[in-house]
Amino acid sequence: MKNIYSCPEDWNMRIIGDIEFSDGDYQFDTRIFLLDLETNKIYTARDSGCSCPTPFETILTMDDLSEVTDISFYREEISEDINYNSGTAIEEAQNAIRYIDTLLQKNK
């Protein structure tokens, strides 16, 4: 199966949120949120490393993802883990969380 980050459509998913926690200096620390286009369930994964590996290359099956049913953990993660001082990045992350929370509320 193809990489979920670069080819989510091959997993019948769409990336609906992408939050970068690193400063991007030859490294990545990324959380993605994915919408399952068949079930409308939301899944997430976080991966980090230097610039050598491909992000999320270790995600091989759906069991490697976590289903999102409550957004509160991710709100806290953003406030604690974004470790570079970029107001734009923080705002984008908060917008992604708000959007995902709206989708979760619609799925209830």
C-alpha atoms as a PDB file:
ATOM      1  CA  MET A   1       0.000   0.000   0.000  1.00  0.00           C
ATOM      2  CA  LYS A   2       1.221   3.506  -0.750  1.00  0.00           C
ATOM      3  CA  ASN A   3       2.259   6.046   1.869  1.00  0.00           C
ATOM      4  CA  ILE A   4      -0.770   7.437   3.693  1.00  0.00           C
ATOM      5  CA  TYR A   5       0.750  10.926   3.865  1.00  0.00           C
ATOM      6  CA  SER A   6       1.565  11.307   0.196  1.00  0.00           C
ATOM      7  CA  CYS A   7      -1.259   9.136  -1.204  1.00  0.00           C
ATOM      8  CA  PRO A   8      -4.198   9.178   1.238  1.00  0.00           C
ATOM      9  CA  GLU A   9      -6.604   8.516  -1.640  1.00  0.00           C
ATOM     10  CA  ASP A  10      -5.106   5.014  -1.960  1.00  0.00           C
ATOM     11  CA  TRP A  11      -6.357   4.402   1.585  1.00  0.00           C
ATOM     12  CA  ASN A  12      -9.779   5.885   0.705  1.00  0.00           C
ATOM     13  CA  MET A  13      -8.938   8.824   2.956  1.00  0.00           C
ATOM     14  CA  ARG A  14      -8.392  12.549   2.761  1.00  0.00           C
ATOM     15  CA  ILE A  15      -6.047  14.605   4.937  1.00  0.00           C
ATOM     16  CA  ILE A  16      -8.161  17.157   6.797  1.00  0.00           C
ATOM     17  CA  GLY A  17      -5.490  18.461   9.162  1.00  0.00           C
ATOM     18  CA  ASP A  18      -1.711  18.586   9.102  1.00  0.00           C
ATOM     19  CA  ILE A  19       0.105  20.057  12.102  1.00  0.00           C
ATOM     20  CA  GLU A  20       3.867  20.555  12.140  1.00  0.00           C
ATOM     21  CA  PHE A  21       5.494  20.697  15.575  1.00  0.00           C
ATOM     22  CA  SER A  22       9.143  21.056  14.505  1.00  0.00           C
ATOM     23  CA  ASP A  23      10.928  24.141  13.259  1.00  0.00           C
ATOM     24  CA  GLY A  24      11.322  22.388   9.911  1.00  0.00           C
ATOM     25  CA  ASP A  25      15.118  22.629   9.957  1.00  0.00           C
ATOM     26  CA  TYR A  26      15.965  19.282   8.291  1.00  0.00           C
ATOM     27  CA  GLN A  27      13.463  17.484  10.481  1.00  0.00           C
ATOM     28  CA  PHE A  28       9.762  16.810  10.843  1.00  0.00           C
ATOM     29  CA  ASP A  29       7.362  16.205  13.708  1.00  0.00           C
ATOM     30  CA  THR A  30       3.960  16.044  12.096  1.00  0.00           C
ATOM     31  CA  ARG A  31       0.477  15.018  13.148  1.00  0.00           C
ATOM     32  CA  ILE A  32      -2.044  14.296  10.433  1.00  0.00           C
ATOM     33  CA  PHE A  33      -5.787  13.907  10.703  1.00  0.00           C
ATOM     34  CA  LEU A  34      -7.532  11.848   8.062  1.00  0.00           C
ATOM     35  CA  LEU A  35     -11.155  11.465   7.109  1.00  0.00           C
ATOM     36  CA  ASP A  36     -12.197   7.965   6.057  1.00  0.00           C
ATOM     37  CA  LEU A  37     -14.283   8.700   2.954  1.00  0.00           C
ATOM     38  CA  GLU A  38     -16.358   5.549   3.404  1.00  0.00           C
ATOM     39  CA  THR A  39     -17.228   5.742   7.116  1.00  0.00           C
ATOM     40  CA  ASN A  40     -16.675   9.468   7.851  1.00  0.00           C
ATOM     41  CA  LYS A  41     -14.562   8.428  10.846  1.00  0.00           C
ATOM     42  CA  ILE A  42     -11.539  10.553  11.665  1.00  0.00           C
ATOM     43  CA  TYR A  43      -8.123   9.009  12.277  1.00  0.00           C
ATOM     44  CA  THR A  44      -4.787  10.430  13.302  1.00  0.00           C
ATOM     45  CA  ALA A  45      -1.097   9.607  13.455  1.00  0.00           C
ATOM     46  CA  ARG A  46       2.031  11.476  14.462  1.00  0.00           C
ATOM     47  CA  ASP A  47       5.507  10.837  13.099  1.00  0.00           C
ATOM     48  CA  SER A  48       8.865  12.526  13.521  1.00  0.00           C
ATOM     49  CA  GLY A  49      12.419  12.221  12.318  1.00  0.00           C
ATOM     50  CA  CYS A  50      15.239  13.840  10.429  1.00  0.00           C
ATOM     51  CA  SER A  51      14.958  14.781   6.778  1.00  0.00           C
ATOM     52  CA  CYS A  52      16.122  11.345   5.592  1.00  0.00           C
ATOM     53  CA  PRO A  53      13.067   9.113   6.127  1.00  0.00           C
ATOM     54  CA  THR A  54       9.744   9.701   4.458  1.00  0.00           C
ATOM     55  CA  PRO A  55       7.122  10.886   6.939  1.00  0.00           C
ATOM     56  CA  PHE A  56       4.654   8.168   7.927  1.00  0.00           C
ATOM     57  CA  GLU A  57       6.491   5.408   6.081  1.00  0.00           C
ATOM     58  CA  THR A  58       5.902   3.108   9.078  1.00  0.00           C
ATOM     59  CA  ILE A  59       2.110   3.403   8.768  1.00  0.00           C
ATOM     60  CA  LEU A  60       1.277   0.157   7.003  1.00  0.00           C
ATOM     61  CA  THR A  61      -2.274  -0.709   8.072  1.00  0.00           C
ATOM     62  CA  MET A  62      -5.318   0.930   9.620  1.00  0.00           C
ATOM     63  CA  ASP A  63      -4.194  -0.560  12.953  1.00  0.00           C
ATOM     64  CA  ASP A  64      -1.307   1.927  12.903  1.00  0.00           C
ATOM     65  CA  LEU A  65      -3.778   4.830  13.092  1.00  0.00           C
ATOM     66  CA  SER A  66      -5.810   6.049  16.061  1.00  0.00           C
ATOM     67  CA  GLU A  67      -9.471   6.893  15.720  1.00  0.00           C
ATOM     68  CA  VAL A  68     -10.349  10.378  16.947  1.00  0.00           C
ATOM     69  CA  THR A  69     -13.507  10.525  19.033  1.00  0.00           C
ATOM     70  CA  ASP A  70     -12.616  13.500  21.246  1.00  0.00           C
ATOM     71  CA  ILE A  71     -10.452  16.466  20.312  1.00  0.00           C
ATOM     72  CA  SER A  72      -9.408  17.642  23.797  1.00  0.00           C
ATOM     73  CA  PHE A  73      -6.108  15.685  23.840  1.00  0.00           C
ATOM     74  CA  TYR A  74      -5.058  17.286  20.559  1.00  0.00           C
ATOM     75  CA  ARG A  75      -5.913  20.792  21.758  1.00  0.00           C
ATOM     76  CA  GLU A  76      -3.636  20.219  24.734  1.00  0.00           C
ATOM     77  CA  GLU A  77      -0.943  18.712  22.521  1.00  0.00           C
ATOM     78  CA  ILE A  78      -0.869  21.850  20.397  1.00  0.00           C
ATOM     79  CA  SER A  79      -0.542  24.149  23.372  1.00  0.00           C
ATOM     80  CA  GLU A  80       2.282  22.046  24.850  1.00  0.00           C
ATOM     81  CA  ASP A  81       4.170  20.718  21.833  1.00  0.00           C
ATOM     82  CA  ILE A  82       4.411  23.482  19.273  1.00  0.00           C
ATOM     83  CA  ASN A  83       7.930  24.450  20.158  1.00  0.00           C
ATOM     84  CA  TYR A  84       8.724  27.153  17.687  1.00  0.00           C
ATOM     85  CA  ASN A  85       7.464  30.679  17.878  1.00  0.00           C
ATOM     86  CA  SER A  86       5.258  31.036  14.849  1.00  0.00           C
ATOM     87  CA  GLY A  87       1.911  32.665  15.369  1.00  0.00           C
ATOM     88  CA  THR A  88       0.841  31.492  11.923  1.00  0.00           C
ATOM     89  CA  ALA A  89       1.634  27.843  12.719  1.00  0.00           C
ATOM     90  CA  ILE A  90      -0.238  27.985  16.014  1.00  0.00           C
ATOM     91  CA  GLU A  91      -3.229  29.658  14.372  1.00  0.00           C
ATOM     92  CA  GLU A  92      -3.274  27.067  11.560  1.00  0.00           C
ATOM     93  CA  ALA A  93      -3.107  24.237  14.111  1.00  0.00           C
ATOM     94  CA  GLN A  94      -5.955  25.727  16.135  1.00  0.00           C
ATOM     95  CA  ASN A  95      -8.027  26.157  12.977  1.00  0.00           C
ATOM     96  CA  ALA A  96      -7.437  22.506  12.070  1.00  0.00           C
ATOM     97  CA  ILE A  97      -8.537  21.386  15.532  1.00  0.00           C
ATOM     98  CA  ARG A  98     -11.690  23.526  15.355  1.00  0.00           C
ATOM     99  CA  TYR A  99     -12.538  22.064  11.940  1.00  0.00           C
ATOM    100  CA  ILE A 100     -12.016  18.493  13.155  1.00  0.00           C
ATOM    101  CA  ASP A 101     -14.108  19.179  16.253  1.00  0.00           C
ATOM    102  CA  THR A 102     -16.924  20.454  14.000  1.00  0.00           C
ATOM    103  CA  LEU A 103     -16.763  17.238  11.948  1.00  0.00           C
ATOM    104  CA  LEU A 104     -16.836  15.119  15.104  1.00  0.00           C
ATOM    105  CA  GLN A 105     -19.926  16.967  16.318  1.00  0.00           C
ATOM    106  CA  LYS A 106     -21.666  16.358  12.970  1.00  0.00           C
ATOM    107  CA  ASN A 107     -20.823  12.624  13.163  1.00  0.00           C
ATOM    108  CA  LYS A 108     -22.508  12.209  16.559  1.00  0.00           C
END
